[in-house]
Protein backbone atom coordinates (compact mmCIF):
# COMPACT_ATOMS: atom_id res chain seq x y z
CA MET A 1 20.07 36.84 -9.54
CA LYS A 2 18.72 34.50 -12.17
CA LEU A 3 17.45 31.08 -11.10
CA ASN A 4 18.55 28.08 -13.10
CA ASN A 5 15.40 26.24 -14.17
CA HIS A 6 17.35 23.52 -15.92
CA ARG A 7 16.35 20.00 -14.85
CA PRO A 8 19.11 17.42 -14.42
CA SER A 9 19.29 15.09 -17.43
CA GLY A 10 18.38 12.02 -15.31
CA PHE A 11 15.28 13.71 -13.85
CA LYS A 12 12.75 12.11 -16.19
CA GLY A 13 14.29 8.64 -15.77
CA SER A 14 14.26 8.92 -12.01
CA LEU A 15 10.52 9.51 -12.05
CA THR A 16 9.77 6.27 -13.85
CA GLY A 17 10.04 4.41 -10.53
CA LEU A 18 7.22 6.38 -8.93
CA LEU A 19 3.88 7.67 -10.12
CA LEU A 20 1.81 10.10 -8.09
CA VAL A 21 -1.93 9.67 -8.40
CA SER A 22 -4.29 11.66 -6.17
CA GLY A 23 -1.74 11.83 -3.40
CA PHE A 24 -0.93 8.14 -3.34
CA VAL A 25 2.44 6.67 -4.21
CA ILE A 26 2.27 3.75 -6.60
CA ALA A 27 5.43 1.71 -6.99
CA PRO A 28 5.46 -0.32 -10.19
CA ASP A 29 7.75 -2.90 -8.65
CA PRO A 30 6.04 -5.18 -6.12
CA VAL A 31 8.44 -4.33 -3.30
CA CYS A 32 6.54 -2.63 -0.52
CA SER A 33 8.04 -0.70 2.30
CA VAL A 34 7.43 2.22 4.55
CA ALA A 35 10.39 3.77 2.71
CA HIS A 36 8.21 4.14 -0.42
CA ALA A 37 5.73 6.24 1.54
CA ALA A 38 8.54 8.31 3.03
CA LEU A 39 9.57 9.48 -0.47
CA VAL A 40 6.53 11.76 -0.59
CA PRO A 41 6.25 14.27 2.25
CA GLY A 42 2.76 14.30 3.73
CA PHE A 43 1.78 10.83 2.42
CA ALA A 44 -0.38 9.97 5.44
CA GLU A 45 -1.91 13.46 5.54
CA GLN A 46 -2.90 13.22 1.88
CA ILE A 47 -4.63 9.90 2.53
CA GLU A 48 -6.51 11.48 5.45
CA LYS A 49 -7.81 14.28 3.16
CA SER A 50 -8.83 12.00 0.31
CA ALA A 51 -11.86 9.76 0.01
CA PRO A 52 -12.08 7.18 2.79
CA PRO A 53 -10.34 3.86 2.16
CA ASN A 54 -12.22 0.78 1.02
CA THR A 55 -13.50 -1.78 3.49
CA VAL A 56 -12.33 -5.39 3.51
CA LYS A 57 -15.95 -6.55 3.29
CA GLY A 58 -16.53 -4.40 0.20
CA VAL A 59 -13.33 -5.64 -1.45
CA LEU A 60 -14.19 -9.29 -0.77
CA LYS A 61 -17.73 -8.82 -2.07
CA THR A 62 -17.24 -6.73 -5.21
CA ALA A 63 -13.59 -6.47 -6.25
CA ARG A 64 -12.30 -8.37 -9.25
CA GLU A 65 -8.88 -9.90 -9.64
CA GLY A 66 -6.33 -7.22 -10.46
CA ASP A 67 -8.33 -4.39 -8.85
CA TYR A 68 -6.46 -2.01 -6.55
CA CYS A 69 -7.70 -1.11 -3.11
CA LEU A 70 -6.69 1.16 -0.25
CA LEU A 71 -7.47 -0.17 3.20
CA ARG A 72 -6.93 1.12 6.71
CA GLY A 73 -6.57 -1.37 9.54
CA VAL A 74 -4.22 -3.56 11.56
CA PHE A 75 -2.19 -6.66 10.85
CA LEU A 76 -3.53 -9.19 13.36
CA ASN A 77 -1.15 -12.10 13.10
CA LYS A 78 1.50 -13.75 10.97
CA ILE A 79 0.14 -16.71 8.99
CA SER A 80 3.45 -17.63 7.34
CA ASP A 81 6.77 -15.91 6.58
CA PHE A 82 5.27 -13.45 4.09
CA THR A 83 1.53 -13.73 4.78
CA PHE A 84 -0.43 -11.81 7.42
CA ALA A 85 -4.07 -11.45 8.46
CA PHE A 86 -5.27 -7.85 8.03
CA GLN A 87 -8.44 -6.49 9.70
CA ASP A 88 -10.19 -3.17 9.11
CA ASP A 89 -12.25 -1.07 11.54
CA GLU A 90 -15.40 -3.04 10.71
CA GLY A 91 -13.78 -6.25 11.99
CA THR A 92 -13.55 -8.08 8.65
CA SER A 93 -10.20 -9.69 7.89
CA VAL A 94 -8.37 -10.81 4.77
CA GLU A 95 -5.09 -12.54 4.00
CA VAL A 96 -2.33 -10.24 2.74
CA ARG A 97 0.74 -11.61 0.96
CA PHE A 98 4.05 -9.78 0.68
CA LYS A 99 7.11 -10.22 -1.53
CA PRO A 100 10.17 -11.53 0.39
CA GLU A 101 11.99 -8.22 -0.13
CA ALA A 102 9.12 -6.14 1.27
CA GLY A 103 10.91 -4.83 4.36
CA LEU A 104 8.66 -6.55 6.86
CA ALA A 105 11.00 -5.68 9.73
CA THR A 106 9.10 -2.36 9.83
CA LEU A 107 5.70 -4.06 10.17
CA PHE A 108 4.30 -4.31 13.69
CA LEU A 109 1.20 -6.29 14.65
CA GLU A 110 -1.79 -4.44 16.13
CA ARG A 111 -0.64 -1.04 14.79
CA GLU A 112 -2.79 0.83 12.33
CA TYR A 113 -1.60 0.96 8.71
CA PHE A 114 -2.73 2.09 5.29
CA LEU A 115 -2.42 -0.77 2.83
CA TRP A 116 -2.36 -0.29 -0.94
CA ALA A 117 -2.85 -3.71 -2.54
CA THR A 118 -4.08 -5.63 -5.56
CA VAL A 119 -6.86 -8.18 -5.35
CA GLU A 120 -5.87 -11.74 -6.24
CA LYS A 121 -7.97 -14.88 -6.43
CA GLU A 122 -6.73 -18.43 -6.12
CA HIS A 123 -8.95 -21.51 -5.90
CA ARG A 124 -12.03 -19.39 -5.12
CA LYS A 125 -10.21 -17.66 -2.27
CA THR A 126 -9.63 -13.90 -2.35
CA PHE A 127 -6.46 -12.44 -0.91
CA LEU A 128 -4.50 -9.23 -1.31
CA LYS A 129 -1.03 -8.76 -2.75
CA ALA A 130 0.55 -5.87 -0.85
CA GLN A 131 2.04 -3.07 -2.93
CA ILE A 132 2.73 -0.44 -0.25
CA PHE A 133 2.05 -0.17 3.45
CA ALA A 134 2.51 2.87 5.65
CA PRO A 135 1.67 3.58 9.28
CA ALA A 136 -1.50 5.57 9.82
CA LEU A 137 -0.50 8.61 11.85
């Protein structure tokens, strides 16, 4: 029996929505959702095996606008409709902003998450723009 190694013609185009880098899923559109993480089996396990995530303190101290960071921590409270306070294991917190279509119905306060975000600065204040969040298992 000969296996058909032919890729479907839309295969390459379907990959333009996702890029795998060192086990992390990076979605080029700013919509973040647990569903993005679910597209790659073993997402949380790959994060566990990789280098440890950044700390909020380190991001606030050294990151520049536009830098990406991976954090592990909990969402403490809701500041506004699409803004939450996020705190890591060291106890430092930062404001995280989401797009309205981010699927926040799946976000629960006080549960541990991995957060992939970009660093933004506005009026000398540093905050994070969420790209992807996934529960830490």
